[in-house]
Amino acid sequence: MLFKSRKDPLYTSIVGAIIAFLFFSTFYFILEGNNVTATIVTVVINAAVGILLTWMLMGTSYIMNKEYLRYKAGPIKGKIALDSIRQVKVGKTLYVGLKPATARNGIVIYYNKYDEIYISPKSNSHFVEELKKLNPSIEVLD
């Protein structure tokens, strides 16, 4: 089952502002054109960062099957065994750690002994329902 990530206006506007800044700084370097090497390096780095941010914004999703919860956010990919998930906190935000998410007030998943990950599916309640169907022993905290 595929779950797309919710896109928070704050996250979207921050990414948009960064991409706009990269675009205008690239445009400035091209117009200045004093140092060709510096201009080329700036264009390549700004384009790479802009593509990466757009990829992460548009390509964040979660796939759940009988055995694993798979997540991807641009180049960040991974999987978590469903039987290793012990607890989920709904409506929380994780400020440090692995966050393949594009919104606040998502779900913090605690798995293995000390691992945690933050995700932001479009519907927290639907995601938790499906997770509980596949692993009823998961403790859900609000």
Foldseek 3Di string as FASTA:
>chain_A
DKFAFDADPVLVVVLVVLLVVLVVVLVVCVVVVPDVVVSVVSVVVSVVVNVLSVQQRPPWMWDDDLFWIWTDRRPDIDIDGLVFWAEKEFQAADDDDAESHNDGRGMWTDGHDGDIYTYGTPDRVVVVVVSCVSPVNHHYHD
